[in-house]
């Protein structure tokens, strides 16, 4: 067999597929960083969809693991996998059988119940993953998927506020606004109420940048001086205010707010516009 970069593992689910993915990841942790590609196939709700998923897995040369609980989809996947000799593992079936005997109650066989029971945790995980991937202007193509995008000059606590929000299940991205650099065009695709500019008193921002500059020993002195220069700070803040005015972004002054206070205010702003 030809050498491949990674081996495909298909995870079938009648719901979102998170349970199966977590189980597979837990199993993979017992191996030494295997080169695999996890392919999640969620919302398998019919026999035809289950059969097609097995056909697709065969074409990829993949093994299949599933958390299908509805008899129709589970049986269809089992029969098709046997017919096509595709390795198939039922991740929940044995546990359901044991629990049914032990509890004396039949399972509901309804997809997605695990997600409903753990929705808050999954939302937080999603939000943290999103925020990690969209910190400091990374992956601007994903900005339209954010619940909120924080913008502003350097050192106004954009990143730390985003991570605080993400822990609450808010998909938060942040984009630095830098004079002489055009903001990513995707910012214009976002509804203005989803973009919030963080601003700060120039004297407060200068003191924060001066402290931060002491940790940049590897930078040239000219760059450090410019970073905390009052004229540069004024220019940075003017840009943020000008763009906020032009694009109808709301602003939050974070000069003397804690991260928790800033996050609370932003959360209220999000709720006001979404409710």
Protein backbone atom coordinates (compact mmCIF):
# COMPACT_ATOMS: atom_id res chain seq x y z
CA UNK A 1 0.00 0.00 0.00
CA UNK A 2 1.28 3.46 -0.91
CA UNK A 3 2.57 5.63 1.94
CA UNK A 4 0.08 8.31 3.00
CA UNK A 5 0.53 11.46 5.04
CA UNK A 6 -2.30 10.53 7.40
CA UNK A 7 -4.76 7.70 7.90
CA UNK A 8 -8.46 8.62 7.77
CA UNK A 9 -10.76 7.79 10.67
CA UNK A 10 -14.45 8.48 10.02
CA UNK A 11 -16.77 9.19 12.94
CA UNK A 12 -20.49 8.76 12.27
CA UNK A 13 -23.14 10.28 14.51
CA UNK A 14 -26.84 11.01 14.50
CA UNK A 15 -26.06 14.22 16.38
CA UNK A 16 -23.12 16.60 16.23
CA UNK A 17 -20.51 13.84 16.56
CA UNK A 18 -18.76 15.35 19.57
CA UNK A 19 -19.15 12.30 21.80
CA UNK A 20 -17.58 10.00 19.23
CA UNK A 21 -14.77 12.44 18.53
CA UNK A 22 -13.93 12.76 22.21
CA UNK A 23 -13.86 8.96 22.62
CA UNK A 24 -11.62 8.54 19.58
CA UNK A 25 -9.27 11.28 20.77
CA UNK A 26 -9.06 9.62 24.18
CA UNK A 27 -8.11 6.34 22.49
CA UNK A 28 -5.58 8.04 20.19
CA UNK A 29 -3.88 9.58 23.23
CA UNK A 30 -2.60 6.05 24.00
CA UNK A 31 -0.54 6.12 20.82
CA UNK A 32 2.58 8.08 19.99
CA UNK A 33 1.17 11.02 17.99
CA UNK A 34 -0.31 8.93 15.17
CA UNK A 35 -0.67 10.57 11.76
CA UNK A 36 -4.44 10.41 11.42
CA UNK A 37 -7.20 12.57 9.98
CA UNK A 38 -10.44 12.63 11.94
CA UNK A 39 -13.44 13.06 9.64
CA UNK A 40 -16.65 13.80 11.49
CA UNK A 41 -19.89 12.91 9.67
CA UNK A 42 -22.69 14.31 11.84
CA UNK A 43 -26.47 14.19 11.52
CA UNK A 44 -26.72 10.71 10.01
CA UNK A 45 -30.49 10.39 10.36
CA UNK A 46 -31.51 7.89 7.64
CA UNK A 47 -30.47 4.44 6.41
CA UNK A 48 -29.50 5.95 3.07
CA UNK A 49 -27.22 8.51 4.73
CA UNK A 50 -25.60 5.77 6.80
CA UNK A 51 -24.98 3.60 3.73
CA UNK A 52 -23.52 6.51 1.78
CA UNK A 53 -21.19 7.35 4.65
CA UNK A 54 -19.83 3.79 4.56
CA UNK A 55 -19.38 4.00 0.78
CA UNK A 56 -17.43 7.25 1.19
CA UNK A 57 -15.30 5.70 3.94
CA UNK A 58 -14.46 2.73 1.70
CA UNK A 59 -13.25 5.09 -1.02
CA UNK A 60 -10.98 6.78 1.48
CA UNK A 61 -9.69 3.50 2.84
CA UNK A 62 -10.88 4.60 6.27
CA UNK A 63 -11.93 2.83 9.42
CA UNK A 64 -15.31 3.91 10.81
CA UNK A 65 -16.37 4.44 14.41
CA UNK A 66 -19.90 5.46 15.24
CA UNK A 67 -22.26 6.57 17.99
CA UNK A 68 -25.45 5.85 16.03
CA UNK A 69 -28.28 4.96 18.42
CA UNK A 70 -31.32 4.83 16.12
CA UNK A 71 -31.78 1.17 15.03
CA UNK A 72 -32.45 2.12 11.41
CA UNK A 73 -29.19 4.00 10.89
CA UNK A 74 -27.07 1.72 13.08
CA UNK A 75 -28.25 -1.45 11.33
CA UNK A 76 -27.84 0.11 7.87
CA UNK A 77 -24.27 1.12 8.66
CA UNK A 78 -23.48 -2.35 10.05
CA UNK A 79 -24.86 -4.22 7.04
CA UNK A 80 -23.17 -1.91 4.52
CA UNK A 81 -19.83 -2.10 6.35
CA UNK A 82 -19.95 -5.90 6.39
CA UNK A 83 -20.84 -5.98 2.69
CA UNK A 84 -17.95 -3.68 1.78
CA UNK A 85 -15.54 -5.06 4.40
CA UNK A 86 -15.07 -1.66 6.01
CA UNK A 87 -13.86 -1.86 9.64
CA UNK A 88 -16.69 -0.55 11.82
CA UNK A 89 -16.79 -0.04 15.60
CA UNK A 90 -19.93 0.75 17.60
CA UNK A 91 -18.73 3.05 20.40
CA UNK A 92 -21.96 3.19 22.42
CA UNK A 93 -23.73 -0.09 21.66
CA UNK A 94 -22.04 -2.29 24.30
CA UNK A 95 -22.44 0.37 27.01
CA UNK A 96 -26.13 0.83 26.16
CA UNK A 97 -26.72 -2.93 26.29
CA UNK A 98 -25.11 -3.29 29.71
CA UNK A 99 -26.92 -0.26 31.12
CA UNK A 100 -30.26 -1.42 29.73
CA UNK A 101 -29.89 -4.75 31.52
CA UNK A 102 -28.64 -3.13 34.72
CA UNK A 103 -31.20 -0.33 34.88
CA UNK A 104 -34.09 -2.35 33.56
CA UNK A 105 -35.11 0.55 31.31
CA UNK A 106 -34.86 0.78 27.53
CA UNK A 107 -32.70 3.63 26.16
CA UNK A 108 -34.44 6.42 24.26
CA UNK A 109 -32.43 5.81 21.06
CA UNK A 110 -32.56 9.51 20.28
CA UNK A 111 -29.63 11.28 18.62
CA UNK A 112 -28.10 14.41 20.10
CA UNK A 113 -29.07 13.90 23.76
CA UNK A 114 -25.44 14.03 24.89
CA UNK A 115 -25.01 17.41 23.22
CA UNK A 116 -28.18 18.77 24.84
CA UNK A 117 -27.00 17.62 28.27
CA UNK A 118 -23.56 19.18 27.83
CA UNK A 119 -24.43 22.12 25.58
CA UNK A 120 -22.85 24.77 27.81
CA UNK A 121 -19.54 22.88 27.97
CA UNK A 122 -19.49 22.27 24.23
CA UNK A 123 -20.32 25.92 23.55
CA UNK A 124 -17.38 26.98 25.70
CA UNK A 125 -15.06 24.55 23.93
CA UNK A 126 -16.19 25.84 20.55
CA UNK A 127 -15.77 29.45 21.62
CA UNK A 128 -12.28 28.88 23.03
CA UNK A 129 -11.18 27.06 19.87
CA UNK A 130 -12.58 29.87 17.73
CA UNK A 131 -10.96 32.60 19.82
CA UNK A 132 -7.57 30.87 19.77
CA UNK A 133 -7.75 30.69 15.98
CA UNK A 134 -8.83 34.32 15.56
CA UNK A 135 -6.59 36.13 18.03
CA UNK A 136 -4.70 39.25 16.96
CA UNK A 137 -6.13 39.40 13.44
CA UNK A 138 -5.48 35.77 12.51
CA UNK A 139 -7.70 34.10 9.90
CA UNK A 140 -9.77 37.16 8.97
CA UNK A 141 -11.88 35.01 6.63
CA UNK A 142 -13.51 33.56 9.75
CA UNK A 143 -14.53 36.90 11.27
CA UNK A 144 -18.14 36.76 9.99
CA UNK A 145 -18.64 33.69 12.24
CA UNK A 146 -17.83 35.64 15.42
CA UNK A 147 -20.39 36.63 18.01
CA UNK A 148 -18.30 39.74 18.61
CA UNK A 149 -15.10 41.24 17.16
CA UNK A 150 -13.02 43.52 19.37
CA UNK A 151 -10.85 46.10 17.62
CA UNK A 152 -8.46 48.76 18.84
CA UNK A 153 -4.81 49.72 19.26
CA UNK A 154 -2.15 47.62 20.95
CA UNK A 155 -2.40 47.05 24.73
CA UNK A 156 -6.08 47.79 25.32
CA UNK A 157 -6.70 44.21 26.54
CA UNK A 158 -8.34 42.89 23.36
CA UNK A 159 -6.94 39.36 23.60
CA UNK A 160 -7.46 38.77 27.30
CA UNK A 161 -11.02 40.12 27.08
CA UNK A 162 -11.73 37.79 24.17
CA UNK A 163 -10.55 34.76 26.12
CA UNK A 164 -12.62 35.79 29.11
CA UNK A 165 -15.66 36.01 26.82
CA UNK A 166 -14.82 32.68 25.17
CA UNK A 167 -14.89 30.92 28.53
CA UNK A 168 -18.50 32.13 28.75
CA UNK A 169 -19.29 30.58 25.38
CA UNK A 170 -18.93 33.77 23.28
CA UNK A 171 -17.08 33.36 19.99
CA UNK A 172 -14.84 36.42 20.22
CA UNK A 173 -12.20 37.52 17.72
CA UNK A 174 -9.96 40.56 17.85
CA UNK A 175 -8.25 42.69 15.23
CA UNK A 176 -5.52 45.29 15.91
CA UNK A 177 -5.98 48.68 14.28
CA UNK A 178 -2.63 50.02 13.09
CA UNK A 179 -2.06 53.36 11.36
CA UNK A 180 -0.86 52.84 7.80
CA UNK A 181 -2.38 49.36 7.60
CA UNK A 182 -5.83 48.74 6.17
CA UNK A 183 -8.10 46.66 8.42
CA UNK A 184 -9.06 43.32 6.86
CA UNK A 185 -11.91 43.74 4.35
CA UNK A 186 -13.93 41.09 6.21
CA UNK A 187 -14.61 43.67 8.93
CA UNK A 188 -16.95 45.43 6.52
CA UNK A 189 -18.91 42.21 6.03
CA UNK A 190 -19.85 42.09 9.70
CA UNK A 191 -22.92 43.84 11.06
CA UNK A 192 -21.67 46.98 12.84
CA UNK A 193 -23.27 46.03 16.15
CA UNK A 194 -21.00 42.96 16.31
CA UNK A 195 -17.82 45.06 16.21
CA UNK A 196 -16.79 46.82 19.41
CA UNK A 197 -13.83 49.19 19.62
CA UNK A 198 -11.82 49.24 22.83
CA UNK A 199 -10.36 52.64 23.61
CA UNK A 200 -8.32 54.07 26.46
CA UNK A 201 -7.17 57.31 28.02
CA UNK A 202 -3.86 58.18 26.26
CA UNK A 203 -2.02 58.69 29.55
CA UNK A 204 -3.20 55.31 30.82
CA UNK A 205 -2.24 53.62 27.55
CA UNK A 206 1.19 55.20 27.65
CA UNK A 207 1.88 53.89 31.14
CA UNK A 208 0.82 50.38 30.10
CA UNK A 209 2.98 50.46 26.98
CA UNK A 210 5.98 51.75 28.92
CA UNK A 211 5.72 48.80 31.29
CA UNK A 212 5.25 46.40 28.38
CA UNK A 213 8.24 47.85 26.54
CA UNK A 214 10.54 46.78 29.36
CA UNK A 215 9.81 43.15 28.37
CA UNK A 216 10.86 43.73 24.74
CA UNK A 217 14.60 43.61 25.31
CA UNK A 218 15.13 42.01 21.88
CA UNK A 219 13.59 45.00 20.07
CA UNK A 220 15.55 48.00 18.83
CA UNK A 221 15.49 51.03 21.12
CA UNK A 222 13.92 53.22 18.42
CA UNK A 223 11.01 50.82 18.09
CA UNK A 224 10.54 50.74 21.86
CA UNK A 225 10.57 54.52 22.08
CA UNK A 226 8.00 54.82 19.28
CA UNK A 227 5.76 52.22 20.92
CA UNK A 228 5.27 54.38 24.02
CA UNK A 229 5.60 57.76 22.32
CA UNK A 230 2.65 60.07 23.11
CA UNK A 231 2.34 61.11 19.46
CA UNK A 232 2.18 57.51 18.31
CA UNK A 233 -0.38 56.68 20.98
CA UNK A 234 -2.51 59.67 19.98
CA UNK A 235 -2.34 58.57 16.34
CA UNK A 236 -3.33 54.99 17.26
CA UNK A 237 -6.32 56.19 19.28
CA UNK A 238 -7.42 58.68 16.62
CA UNK A 239 -7.52 55.86 14.07
CA UNK A 240 -9.72 53.71 16.32
CA UNK A 241 -12.14 56.55 17.06
CA UNK A 242 -12.28 57.56 13.38
CA UNK A 243 -13.07 54.04 12.18
CA UNK A 244 -15.64 53.54 14.93
CA UNK A 245 -17.34 56.77 13.91
CA UNK A 246 -17.19 55.94 10.20
CA UNK A 247 -18.45 52.38 10.52
CA UNK A 248 -20.89 52.88 13.38
CA UNK A 249 -19.02 50.61 15.80
CA UNK A 250 -19.78 50.90 19.48
CA UNK A 251 -16.95 51.83 21.81
CA UNK A 252 -15.96 50.78 25.32
CA UNK A 253 -13.48 52.85 27.32
CA UNK A 254 -11.34 50.36 29.22
CA UNK A 255 -8.99 52.90 30.85
CA UNK A 256 -9.76 51.94 34.42
CA UNK A 257 -11.86 48.82 34.00
CA UNK A 258 -10.83 45.32 34.97
CA UNK A 259 -11.08 42.61 32.33
CA UNK A 260 -14.12 41.22 34.14
CA UNK A 261 -15.87 44.61 34.04
CA UNK A 262 -15.08 45.04 30.35
CA UNK A 263 -16.35 41.55 29.54
CA UNK A 264 -19.55 42.18 31.54
CA UNK A 265 -20.22 45.39 29.61
CA UNK A 266 -19.58 43.71 26.26
CA UNK A 267 -21.81 40.77 27.22
CA UNK A 268 -24.65 43.17 28.03
CA UNK A 269 -24.12 44.94 24.69
CA UNK A 270 -24.31 41.61 22.85
CA UNK A 271 -27.47 40.61 24.71
CA UNK A 272 -29.10 43.99 24.06
CA UNK A 273 -28.65 43.67 20.30
CA UNK A 274 -29.47 39.94 20.07
CA UNK A 275 -32.54 40.10 22.28
